[in-house]
Amino acid sequence: MEQSLANFFRKGNLNTLRELALRTTAEQVGSAAAEYRRIQGLEQAPIPEKVMVCLSTRPGTERLLRVGARIAGRLASNWYAVYVTRPDDKGHGDPEAYHRLEEYQRMARDLGAKVVTLTDRNVSDALIRFAQQENISHVVFGQSARSRWDILWRGSVLNRFLSEVRDVTVQVVPMQALKRIKAASIQ
């Protein structure tokens, strides 16, 4: 029992609880202010900021979630962790990748995100449509693991998103290369 209590009151857990409390308070204050403006017939407040983190099954995606949670916490805004699956993907591919995705989605929920899974043949189209429908103001992408030649030849989700969606802040987070992650886990 004592060990459970000692492990619970770690700095990371306390920071997470603080962020959740601040976010909840900000939402309550925002709702109360909106209700007051409505009752008093005052001008509408600006549209709230929303954050979208683009999930992948790549190792290191937890870093994207932490960045997205920090941005959403600073903005006192709602945020989404979005994963796009293709219609022909039955989830029977790489079991490790599927397990990582489940972990990332659990982590996103724990950090306060609404987890959304979209199905579309084209990942770019799905992300663009979601961002526009939800009035997303901030997007977090992971840096591509593909070569520059491959990106030039076949295009990239990020480049397509940037060309189609305006008035959105996009942050590209460097991700560790798979080789470095494996080497670190072996040591």
N, C-alpha and C. Protein backbone atom coordinates (compact mmCIF):
# COMPACT_ATOMS: atom_id res chain seq x y z
N MET A 1 0.82 -1.19 0.00
CA MET A 1 0.00 0.00 0.00
C MET A 1 0.87 1.26 0.00
N GLU A 2 1.89 1.28 0.89
CA GLU A 2 2.78 2.45 0.95
C GLU A 2 3.53 2.63 -0.36
N GLN A 3 3.97 1.51 -0.94
CA GLN A 3 4.70 1.59 -2.20
C GLN A 3 3.79 2.12 -3.31
N SER A 4 2.53 1.71 -3.31
CA SER A 4 1.57 2.20 -4.31
C SER A 4 1.40 3.71 -4.16
N LEU A 5 1.26 4.18 -2.94
CA LEU A 5 1.12 5.63 -2.71
C LEU A 5 2.37 6.38 -3.12
N ALA A 6 3.54 5.81 -2.79
CA ALA A 6 4.81 6.47 -3.15
C ALA A 6 4.95 6.55 -4.67
N ASN A 7 4.56 5.49 -5.37
CA ASN A 7 4.64 5.49 -6.83
C ASN A 7 3.61 6.42 -7.46
N PHE A 8 2.46 6.59 -6.82
CA PHE A 8 1.43 7.45 -7.38
C PHE A 8 1.85 8.92 -7.34
N PHE A 9 2.48 9.35 -6.26
CA PHE A 9 2.84 10.75 -6.09
C PHE A 9 4.20 11.08 -6.71
N ARG A 10 4.42 10.56 -7.90
CA ARG A 10 5.62 10.89 -8.65
C ARG A 10 5.38 12.20 -9.42
N LYS A 11 6.46 12.84 -9.76
CA LYS A 11 6.39 14.13 -10.43
C LYS A 11 5.55 14.06 -11.72
N GLY A 12 5.75 13.03 -12.51
CA GLY A 12 5.00 12.89 -13.78
C GLY A 12 3.51 12.77 -13.55
N ASN A 13 3.12 11.95 -12.56
CA ASN A 13 1.69 11.79 -12.26
C ASN A 13 1.10 13.09 -11.75
N LEU A 14 1.82 13.77 -10.89
CA LEU A 14 1.32 15.04 -10.33
C LEU A 14 1.19 16.09 -11.43
N ASN A 15 2.15 16.14 -12.36
CA ASN A 15 2.05 17.08 -13.48
C ASN A 15 0.84 16.78 -14.35
N THR A 16 0.59 15.50 -14.61
CA THR A 16 -0.57 15.11 -15.41
C THR A 16 -1.86 15.52 -14.71
N LEU A 17 -1.94 15.25 -13.41
CA LEU A 17 -3.13 15.65 -12.65
C LEU A 17 -3.31 17.17 -12.67
N ARG A 18 -2.23 17.91 -12.54
CA ARG A 18 -2.30 19.37 -12.58
C ARG A 18 -2.82 19.84 -13.93
N GLU A 19 -2.30 19.25 -15.01
CA GLU A 19 -2.75 19.63 -16.36
C GLU A 19 -4.23 19.34 -16.54
N LEU A 20 -4.68 18.18 -16.07
CA LEU A 20 -6.09 17.84 -16.19
C LEU A 20 -6.96 18.80 -15.39
N ALA A 21 -6.51 19.16 -14.19
CA ALA A 21 -7.26 20.10 -13.36
C ALA A 21 -7.34 21.47 -14.03
N LEU A 22 -6.22 21.94 -14.58
CA LEU A 22 -6.22 23.23 -15.27
C LEU A 22 -7.12 23.21 -16.49
N ARG A 23 -7.07 22.12 -17.26
CA ARG A 23 -7.89 22.02 -18.45
C ARG A 23 -9.37 22.00 -18.09
N THR A 24 -9.72 21.23 -17.04
CA THR A 24 -11.11 21.17 -16.60
C THR A 24 -11.60 22.53 -16.12
N THR A 25 -10.77 23.21 -15.34
CA THR A 25 -11.12 24.55 -14.85
C THR A 25 -11.30 25.51 -16.02
N ALA A 26 -10.39 25.47 -16.98
CA ALA A 26 -10.48 26.35 -18.14
C ALA A 26 -11.76 26.09 -18.93
N GLU A 27 -12.13 24.83 -19.10
CA GLU A 27 -13.37 24.50 -19.81
C GLU A 27 -14.58 25.02 -19.06
N GLN A 28 -14.59 24.87 -17.73
CA GLN A 28 -15.72 25.35 -16.93
C GLN A 28 -15.83 26.87 -16.98
N VAL A 29 -14.70 27.56 -16.88
CA VAL A 29 -14.70 29.02 -16.96
C VAL A 29 -15.15 29.47 -18.35
N GLY A 30 -14.65 28.80 -19.37
CA GLY A 30 -15.05 29.14 -20.74
C GLY A 30 -16.54 28.94 -20.97
N SER A 31 -17.09 27.84 -20.45
CA SER A 31 -18.52 27.58 -20.58
C SER A 31 -19.34 28.63 -19.84
N ALA A 32 -18.91 28.97 -18.63
CA ALA A 32 -19.62 29.98 -17.85
C ALA A 32 -19.58 31.34 -18.55
N ALA A 33 -18.43 31.69 -19.12
CA ALA A 33 -18.30 32.97 -19.82
C ALA A 33 -19.18 32.99 -21.07
N ALA A 34 -19.21 31.88 -21.80
CA ALA A 34 -20.05 31.80 -23.00
C ALA A 34 -21.52 31.93 -22.63
N GLU A 35 -21.92 31.28 -21.56
CA GLU A 35 -23.32 31.37 -21.09
C GLU A 35 -23.66 32.80 -20.68
N TYR A 36 -22.77 33.46 -19.99
CA TYR A 36 -22.98 34.85 -19.58
C TYR A 36 -23.14 35.75 -20.80
N ARG A 37 -22.24 35.56 -21.80
CA ARG A 37 -22.34 36.37 -23.02
C ARG A 37 -23.66 36.12 -23.74
N ARG A 38 -24.09 34.87 -23.76
CA ARG A 38 -25.35 34.53 -24.42
C ARG A 38 -26.52 35.20 -23.72
N ILE A 39 -26.56 35.12 -22.39
CA ILE A 39 -27.66 35.71 -21.61
C ILE A 39 -27.67 37.23 -21.76
N GLN A 40 -26.49 37.83 -21.75
CA GLN A 40 -26.39 39.29 -21.82
C GLN A 40 -26.47 39.83 -23.26
N GLY A 41 -26.48 38.94 -24.25
CA GLY A 41 -26.56 39.37 -25.64
C GLY A 41 -25.27 40.01 -26.12
N LEU A 42 -24.16 39.60 -25.55
CA LEU A 42 -22.86 40.16 -25.91
C LEU A 42 -22.29 39.44 -27.13
N GLU A 43 -21.26 40.04 -27.72
CA GLU A 43 -20.60 39.47 -28.89
C GLU A 43 -20.03 38.09 -28.59
N GLN A 44 -20.05 37.24 -29.60
CA GLN A 44 -19.50 35.89 -29.44
C GLN A 44 -18.00 35.95 -29.22
N ALA A 45 -17.53 35.05 -28.40
CA ALA A 45 -16.08 34.93 -28.18
C ALA A 45 -15.44 34.29 -29.42
N PRO A 46 -14.14 34.49 -29.59
CA PRO A 46 -13.47 33.87 -30.73
C PRO A 46 -13.58 32.34 -30.65
N ILE A 47 -13.50 31.72 -31.81
CA ILE A 47 -13.58 30.25 -31.87
C ILE A 47 -12.40 29.67 -31.10
N PRO A 48 -12.65 28.69 -30.23
CA PRO A 48 -11.55 28.13 -29.46
C PRO A 48 -10.56 27.37 -30.34
N GLU A 49 -9.34 27.35 -29.87
CA GLU A 49 -8.28 26.64 -30.58
C GLU A 49 -8.47 25.14 -30.38
N LYS A 50 -8.11 24.35 -31.38
CA LYS A 50 -8.17 22.89 -31.29
C LYS A 50 -6.88 22.32 -31.85
N VAL A 51 -6.44 21.24 -31.24
CA VAL A 51 -5.16 20.61 -31.60
C VAL A 51 -5.43 19.21 -32.14
N MET A 52 -4.72 18.84 -33.21
CA MET A 52 -4.81 17.50 -33.76
C MET A 52 -3.41 16.91 -33.84
N VAL A 53 -3.24 15.72 -33.26
CA VAL A 53 -1.98 14.98 -33.36
C VAL A 53 -2.22 13.82 -34.32
N CYS A 54 -1.37 13.70 -35.32
CA CYS A 54 -1.49 12.64 -36.32
C CYS A 54 -0.73 11.41 -35.83
N LEU A 55 -1.47 10.40 -35.45
CA LEU A 55 -0.87 9.17 -34.92
C LEU A 55 -0.32 8.29 -36.03
N SER A 56 0.70 7.55 -35.68
CA SER A 56 1.21 6.51 -36.57
C SER A 56 1.58 5.32 -35.69
N THR A 57 1.96 4.24 -36.33
CA THR A 57 2.37 3.06 -35.56
C THR A 57 3.88 3.03 -35.35
N ARG A 58 4.56 4.06 -35.80
CA ARG A 58 6.02 4.11 -35.67
C ARG A 58 6.44 4.25 -34.21
N PRO A 59 7.54 3.63 -33.85
CA PRO A 59 8.09 3.86 -32.51
C PRO A 59 8.43 5.34 -32.35
N GLY A 60 8.19 5.87 -31.16
CA GLY A 60 8.48 7.27 -30.90
C GLY A 60 7.28 8.18 -31.01
N THR A 61 6.12 7.64 -31.40
CA THR A 61 4.92 8.45 -31.56
C THR A 61 4.46 9.03 -30.23
N GLU A 62 4.86 8.42 -29.11
CA GLU A 62 4.47 8.97 -27.80
C GLU A 62 5.01 10.40 -27.65
N ARG A 63 6.11 10.70 -28.32
CA ARG A 63 6.65 12.07 -28.27
C ARG A 63 5.66 13.07 -28.90
N LEU A 64 5.02 12.67 -29.99
CA LEU A 64 4.02 13.52 -30.63
C LEU A 64 2.86 13.80 -29.66
N LEU A 65 2.47 12.75 -28.95
CA LEU A 65 1.35 12.90 -28.01
C LEU A 65 1.71 13.88 -26.89
N ARG A 66 2.92 13.79 -26.40
CA ARG A 66 3.33 14.72 -25.33
C ARG A 66 3.37 16.16 -25.84
N VAL A 67 3.86 16.36 -27.05
CA VAL A 67 3.89 17.70 -27.64
C VAL A 67 2.46 18.21 -27.80
N GLY A 68 1.59 17.39 -28.35
CA GLY A 68 0.19 17.79 -28.53
C GLY A 68 -0.49 18.11 -27.22
N ALA A 69 -0.25 17.30 -26.19
CA ALA A 69 -0.85 17.55 -24.87
C ALA A 69 -0.35 18.86 -24.28
N ARG A 70 0.95 19.16 -24.47
CA ARG A 70 1.49 20.43 -23.95
C ARG A 70 0.87 21.62 -24.67
N ILE A 71 0.75 21.53 -25.99
CA ILE A 71 0.14 22.62 -26.76
C ILE A 71 -1.30 22.83 -26.31
N ALA A 72 -2.05 21.74 -26.21
CA ALA A 72 -3.45 21.83 -25.79
C ALA A 72 -3.56 22.38 -24.38
N GLY A 73 -2.65 21.99 -23.50
CA GLY A 73 -2.65 22.51 -22.14
C GLY A 73 -2.40 24.00 -22.09
N ARG A 74 -1.44 24.47 -22.89
CA ARG A 74 -1.14 25.91 -22.93
C ARG A 74 -2.30 26.70 -23.50
N LEU A 75 -2.99 26.12 -24.47
CA LEU A 75 -4.11 26.82 -25.10
C LEU A 75 -5.43 26.58 -24.36
N ALA A 76 -5.39 25.70 -23.35
CA ALA A 76 -6.60 25.29 -22.64
C ALA A 76 -7.66 24.87 -23.65
N SER A 77 -7.26 23.97 -24.55
CA SER A 77 -8.15 23.59 -25.64
C SER A 77 -8.35 22.08 -25.71
N ASN A 78 -9.35 21.72 -26.49
CA ASN A 78 -9.59 20.30 -26.78
C ASN A 78 -8.55 19.84 -27.78
N TRP A 79 -8.25 18.54 -27.72
CA TRP A 79 -7.33 18.03 -28.71
C TRP A 79 -7.70 16.61 -29.10
N TYR A 80 -7.24 16.25 -30.30
CA TYR A 80 -7.58 14.96 -30.90
C TYR A 80 -6.31 14.22 -31.27
N ALA A 81 -6.33 12.92 -31.04
CA ALA A 81 -5.29 12.03 -31.54
C ALA A 81 -5.94 11.25 -32.67
N VAL A 82 -5.49 11.48 -33.90
CA VAL A 82 -6.18 10.95 -35.08
C VAL A 82 -5.30 9.92 -35.78
N TYR A 83 -5.91 8.77 -36.05
CA TYR A 83 -5.22 7.71 -36.80
C TYR A 83 -6.07 7.38 -38.02
N VAL A 84 -5.43 7.22 -39.17
CA VAL A 84 -6.15 6.89 -40.39
C VAL A 84 -5.79 5.47 -40.81
N THR A 85 -6.81 4.66 -40.98
CA THR A 85 -6.62 3.30 -41.46
C THR A 85 -7.25 3.19 -42.85
N ARG A 86 -6.73 2.31 -43.66
CA ARG A 86 -7.27 2.12 -45.01
C ARG A 86 -8.37 1.06 -44.95
N PRO A 87 -9.35 1.14 -45.84
CA PRO A 87 -10.47 0.18 -45.81
C PRO A 87 -10.02 -1.27 -45.96
N ASP A 88 -8.95 -1.51 -46.72
CA ASP A 88 -8.49 -2.89 -46.94
C ASP A 88 -7.58 -3.39 -45.81
N ASP A 89 -7.28 -2.54 -44.83
CA ASP A 89 -6.44 -2.94 -43.70
C ASP A 89 -7.29 -3.65 -42.67
N LYS A 90 -7.05 -4.92 -42.49
CA LYS A 90 -7.85 -5.73 -41.55
C LYS A 90 -7.20 -5.79 -40.17
N GLY A 91 -6.09 -5.09 -39.98
CA GLY A 91 -5.42 -5.11 -38.68
C GLY A 91 -4.63 -6.38 -38.44
N HIS A 92 -4.47 -7.21 -39.49
CA HIS A 92 -3.75 -8.47 -39.32
C HIS A 92 -2.30 -8.37 -39.75
N GLY A 93 -1.86 -7.17 -40.07
CA GLY A 93 -0.48 -6.99 -40.53
C GLY A 93 0.52 -7.24 -39.43
N ASP A 94 1.24 -6.25 -39.07
CA ASP A 94 2.29 -6.33 -38.07
C ASP A 94 1.69 -6.27 -36.67
N PRO A 95 1.74 -7.36 -35.90
CA PRO A 95 1.14 -7.34 -34.56
C PRO A 95 1.82 -6.35 -33.61
N GLU A 96 3.13 -6.14 -33.81
CA GLU A 96 3.86 -5.17 -32.98
C GLU A 96 3.33 -3.76 -33.22
N ALA A 97 3.12 -3.42 -34.48
CA ALA A 97 2.62 -2.09 -34.83
C ALA A 97 1.21 -1.90 -34.28
N TYR A 98 0.38 -2.93 -34.37
CA TYR A 98 -0.99 -2.86 -33.84
C TYR A 98 -0.96 -2.65 -32.32
N HIS A 99 -0.07 -3.34 -31.64
CA HIS A 99 0.06 -3.18 -30.19
C HIS A 99 0.53 -1.76 -29.84
N ARG A 100 1.51 -1.24 -30.60
CA ARG A 100 1.97 0.13 -30.37
C ARG A 100 0.83 1.12 -30.55
N LEU A 101 0.03 0.93 -31.60
CA LEU A 101 -1.09 1.84 -31.85
C LEU A 101 -2.06 1.83 -30.68
N GLU A 102 -2.37 0.65 -30.17
CA GLU A 102 -3.26 0.57 -29.00
C GLU A 102 -2.67 1.30 -27.81
N GLU A 103 -1.36 1.17 -27.59
CA GLU A 103 -0.70 1.87 -26.49
C GLU A 103 -0.75 3.38 -26.68
N TYR A 104 -0.50 3.83 -27.91
CA TYR A 104 -0.54 5.27 -28.20
C TYR A 104 -1.95 5.82 -27.98
N GLN A 105 -2.95 5.07 -28.39
CA GLN A 105 -4.33 5.52 -28.20
C GLN A 105 -4.68 5.58 -26.71
N ARG A 106 -4.23 4.60 -25.95
CA ARG A 106 -4.46 4.61 -24.49
C ARG A 106 -3.76 5.82 -23.86
N MET A 107 -2.52 6.04 -24.27
CA MET A 107 -1.76 7.17 -23.74
C MET A 107 -2.45 8.49 -24.08
N ALA A 108 -2.95 8.61 -25.30
CA ALA A 108 -3.65 9.83 -25.72
C ALA A 108 -4.87 10.08 -24.84
N ARG A 109 -5.65 9.03 -24.58
CA ARG A 109 -6.83 9.18 -23.70
C ARG A 109 -6.40 9.60 -22.30
N ASP A 110 -5.33 9.00 -21.81
CA ASP A 110 -4.83 9.35 -20.47
C ASP A 110 -4.39 10.80 -20.40
N LEU A 111 -3.89 11.34 -21.51
CA LEU A 111 -3.44 12.72 -21.55
C LEU A 111 -4.57 13.70 -21.87
N GLY A 112 -5.77 13.17 -22.06
CA GLY A 112 -6.94 14.04 -22.26
C GLY A 112 -7.40 14.21 -23.69
N ALA A 113 -6.86 13.45 -24.62
CA ALA A 113 -7.26 13.58 -26.02
C ALA A 113 -8.52 12.79 -26.31
N LYS A 114 -9.23 13.23 -27.32
CA LYS A 114 -10.30 12.43 -27.88
C LYS A 114 -9.65 11.64 -29.02
N VAL A 115 -9.70 10.33 -28.93
CA VAL A 115 -9.06 9.48 -29.94
C VAL A 115 -10.04 9.23 -31.07
N VAL A 116 -9.59 9.48 -32.30
CA VAL A 116 -10.43 9.34 -33.47
C VAL A 116 -9.72 8.44 -34.48
N THR A 117 -10.43 7.44 -34.98
CA THR A 117 -9.91 6.59 -36.04
C THR A 117 -10.74 6.84 -37.28
N LEU A 118 -10.09 7.24 -38.35
CA LEU A 118 -10.75 7.51 -39.62
C LEU A 118 -10.40 6.39 -40.60
N THR A 119 -11.30 6.12 -41.52
CA THR A 119 -11.04 5.13 -42.56
C THR A 119 -11.14 5.82 -43.90
N ASP A 120 -10.07 5.71 -44.67
CA ASP A 120 -10.04 6.34 -45.99
C ASP A 120 -8.91 5.70 -46.79
N ARG A 121 -9.07 5.64 -48.09
CA ARG A 121 -8.01 5.11 -48.94
C ARG A 121 -6.80 6.05 -48.97
N ASN A 122 -7.06 7.34 -48.74
CA ASN A 122 -6.00 8.34 -48.82
C ASN A 122 -5.87 9.03 -47.46
N VAL A 123 -4.73 8.84 -46.81
CA VAL A 123 -4.48 9.39 -45.47
C VAL A 123 -4.58 10.91 -45.50
N SER A 124 -3.99 11.54 -46.50
CA SER A 124 -4.01 13.00 -46.60
C SER A 124 -5.44 13.53 -46.66
N ASP A 125 -6.26 12.92 -47.52
CA ASP A 125 -7.65 13.38 -47.64
C ASP A 125 -8.39 13.30 -46.32
N ALA A 126 -8.20 12.20 -45.60
CA ALA A 126 -8.89 12.02 -44.32
C ALA A 126 -8.46 13.07 -43.31
N LEU A 127 -7.16 13.34 -43.21
CA LEU A 127 -6.66 14.32 -42.25
C LEU A 127 -7.10 15.73 -42.61
N ILE A 128 -7.07 16.06 -43.89
CA ILE A 128 -7.50 17.38 -44.34
C ILE A 128 -8.98 17.58 -44.04
N ARG A 129 -9.80 16.61 -44.39
CA ARG A 129 -11.24 16.70 -44.14
C ARG A 129 -11.54 16.86 -42.65
N PHE A 130 -10.87 16.06 -41.80
CA PHE A 130 -11.10 16.14 -40.36
C PHE A 130 -10.69 17.51 -39.82
N ALA A 131 -9.52 18.00 -40.25
CA ALA A 131 -9.04 19.30 -39.77
C ALA A 131 -10.00 20.41 -40.15
N GLN A 132 -10.54 20.35 -41.35
CA GLN A 132 -11.47 21.39 -41.79
C GLN A 132 -12.82 21.27 -41.08
N GLN A 133 -13.32 20.07 -40.92
CA GLN A 133 -14.62 19.87 -40.25
C GLN A 133 -14.58 20.30 -38.78
N GLU A 134 -13.46 20.02 -38.12
CA GLU A 134 -13.36 20.31 -36.69
C GLU A 134 -12.73 21.68 -36.40
N ASN A 135 -12.43 22.45 -37.43
CA ASN A 135 -11.79 23.77 -37.26
C ASN A 135 -10.52 23.67 -36.43
N ILE A 136 -9.67 22.75 -36.81
CA ILE A 136 -8.40 22.53 -36.11
C ILE A 136 -7.49 23.74 -36.35
N SER A 137 -6.83 24.19 -35.28
CA SER A 137 -5.94 25.34 -35.41
C SER A 137 -4.46 24.97 -35.30
N HIS A 138 -4.16 23.81 -34.69
CA HIS A 138 -2.78 23.36 -34.51
C HIS A 138 -2.71 21.87 -34.85
N VAL A 139 -1.70 21.50 -35.66
CA VAL A 139 -1.53 20.10 -36.06
C VAL A 139 -0.10 19.68 -35.74
N VAL A 140 0.04 18.48 -35.20
CA VAL A 140 1.35 17.93 -34.88
C VAL A 140 1.57 16.69 -35.75
N PHE A 141 2.62 16.73 -36.56
CA PHE A 141 3.02 15.61 -37.40
C PHE A 141 4.36 15.09 -36.91
N GLY A 142 4.62 13.81 -37.15
CA GLY A 142 5.94 13.25 -36.94
C GLY A 142 6.75 13.40 -38.21
N GLN A 143 8.05 13.57 -38.06
CA GLN A 143 8.92 13.69 -39.22
C GLN A 143 8.92 12.38 -39.99
N SER A 144 8.88 12.46 -41.29
CA SER A 144 8.82 11.28 -42.13
C SER A 144 10.10 10.46 -42.03
N ALA A 145 9.95 9.14 -42.11
CA ALA A 145 11.10 8.24 -42.11
C ALA A 145 11.54 7.94 -43.54
N ARG A 146 10.76 8.43 -44.52
CA ARG A 146 11.06 8.14 -45.92
C ARG A 146 12.19 9.03 -46.43
N SER A 147 12.84 8.58 -47.49
CA SER A 147 13.92 9.37 -48.09
C SER A 147 13.33 10.56 -48.85
N ARG A 148 14.16 11.56 -49.07
CA ARG A 148 13.70 12.74 -49.82
C ARG A 148 13.27 12.36 -51.23
N TRP A 149 14.02 11.43 -51.84
CA TRP A 149 13.66 10.99 -53.19
C TRP A 149 12.29 10.33 -53.20
N ASP A 150 12.02 9.51 -52.21
CA ASP A 150 10.72 8.84 -52.13
C ASP A 150 9.60 9.87 -51.94
N ILE A 151 9.84 10.88 -51.12
CA ILE A 151 8.84 11.92 -50.90
C ILE A 151 8.62 12.71 -52.19
N LEU A 152 9.71 13.05 -52.90
CA LEU A 152 9.57 13.76 -54.17
C LEU A 152 8.82 12.92 -55.20
N TRP A 153 9.12 11.65 -55.23
CA TRP A 153 8.53 10.76 -56.23
C TRP A 153 7.06 10.46 -55.94
N ARG A 154 6.74 10.12 -54.69
CA ARG A 154 5.38 9.68 -54.34
C ARG A 154 4.58 10.71 -53.56
N GLY A 155 5.23 11.81 -53.15
CA GLY A 155 4.52 12.83 -52.37
C GLY A 155 4.50 12.46 -50.90
N SER A 156 4.01 13.40 -50.08
CA SER A 156 3.93 13.12 -48.65
C SER A 156 2.63 13.66 -48.08
N VAL A 157 2.19 13.05 -47.01
CA VAL A 157 0.97 13.48 -46.33
C VAL A 157 1.15 14.91 -45.84
N LEU A 158 2.30 15.20 -45.25
CA LEU A 158 2.56 16.54 -44.72
C LEU A 158 2.52 17.60 -45.81
N ASN A 159 3.22 17.37 -46.91
CA ASN A 159 3.24 18.35 -47.99
C ASN A 159 1.84 18.58 -48.57
N ARG A 160 1.09 17.52 -48.73
CA ARG A 160 -0.28 17.65 -49.24
C ARG A 160 -1.14 18.44 -48.25
N PHE A 161 -1.00 18.14 -46.97
CA PHE A 161 -1.76 18.84 -45.93
C PHE A 161 -1.44 20.34 -45.97
N LEU A 162 -0.15 20.67 -46.03
CA LEU A 162 0.26 22.07 -46.06
C LEU A 162 -0.26 22.80 -47.29
N SER A 163 -0.36 22.11 -48.42
CA SER A 163 -0.83 22.78 -49.63
C SER A 163 -2.34 22.98 -49.62
N GLU A 164 -3.07 22.16 -48.87
CA GLU A 164 -4.54 22.23 -48.88
C GLU A 164 -5.13 23.02 -47.71
N VAL A 165 -4.48 23.02 -46.58
CA VAL A 165 -5.07 23.61 -45.37
C VAL A 165 -4.32 24.90 -45.02
N ARG A 166 -5.05 25.97 -44.91
CA ARG A 166 -4.48 27.28 -44.58
C ARG A 166 -4.88 27.66 -43.16
N ASP A 167 -4.23 28.66 -42.62
CA ASP A 167 -4.56 29.20 -41.30
C ASP A 167 -4.48 28.15 -40.20
N VAL A 168 -3.53 27.25 -40.32
CA VAL A 168 -3.30 26.22 -39.30
C VAL A 168 -1.82 26.23 -38.97
N THR A 169 -1.52 26.18 -37.69
CA THR A 169 -0.13 26.06 -37.26
C THR A 169 0.26 24.59 -37.31
N VAL A 170 1.32 24.27 -38.03
CA VAL A 170 1.76 22.89 -38.17
C VAL A 170 3.13 22.75 -37.51
N GLN A 171 3.24 21.76 -36.65
CA GLN A 171 4.52 21.48 -36.00
C GLN A 171 4.96 20.07 -36.41
N VAL A 172 6.18 19.97 -36.90
CA VAL A 172 6.75 18.68 -37.29
C VAL A 172 7.77 18.30 -36.23
N VAL A 173 7.51 17.18 -35.57
CA VAL A 173 8.35 16.74 -34.46
C VAL A 173 9.33 15.68 -34.96
N PRO A 174 10.63 15.90 -34.73
CA PRO A 174 11.60 14.88 -35.12
C PRO A 174 11.34 13.59 -34.36
N MET A 175 11.43 12.49 -35.06
CA MET A 175 11.23 11.19 -34.43
C MET A 175 12.52 10.40 -34.53
N GLN A 176 12.78 9.62 -33.50
CA GLN A 176 13.99 8.80 -33.51
C GLN A 176 13.90 7.78 -34.62
N ALA A 177 15.03 7.52 -35.21
CA ALA A 177 15.09 6.47 -36.22
C ALA A 177 14.92 5.12 -35.54
N LEU A 178 14.30 4.19 -36.22
CA LEU A 178 14.03 2.87 -35.66
C LEU A 178 15.32 2.19 -35.22
N LYS A 179 16.41 2.37 -35.97
CA LYS A 179 17.69 1.74 -35.61
C LYS A 179 18.17 2.22 -34.25
N ARG A 180 18.03 3.54 -33.99
CA ARG A 180 18.48 4.08 -32.71
C ARG A 180 17.64 3.55 -31.56
N ILE A 181 16.35 3.40 -31.79
CA ILE A 181 15.47 2.89 -30.73
C ILE A 181 15.84 1.44 -30.41
N LYS A 182 16.04 0.63 -31.46
CA LYS A 182 16.40 -0.77 -31.24
C LYS A 182 17.76 -0.87 -30.54
N ALA A 183 18.70 -0.04 -30.95
CA ALA A 183 20.03 -0.09 -30.33
C ALA A 183 19.93 0.28 -28.86
N ALA A 184 19.12 1.27 -28.54
CA ALA A 184 18.97 1.69 -27.14
C ALA A 184 18.31 0.60 -26.31
N SER A 185 17.36 -0.14 -26.91
CA SER A 185 16.67 -1.18 -26.15
C SER A 185 17.55 -2.41 -25.94
N ILE A 186 18.52 -2.61 -26.83
CA ILE A 186 19.43 -3.76 -26.70
C ILE A 186 20.43 -3.52 -25.58
N GLN A 187 20.86 -2.26 -25.39
CA GLN A 187 21.87 -1.95 -24.38
C GLN A 187 21.36 -2.04 -23.00
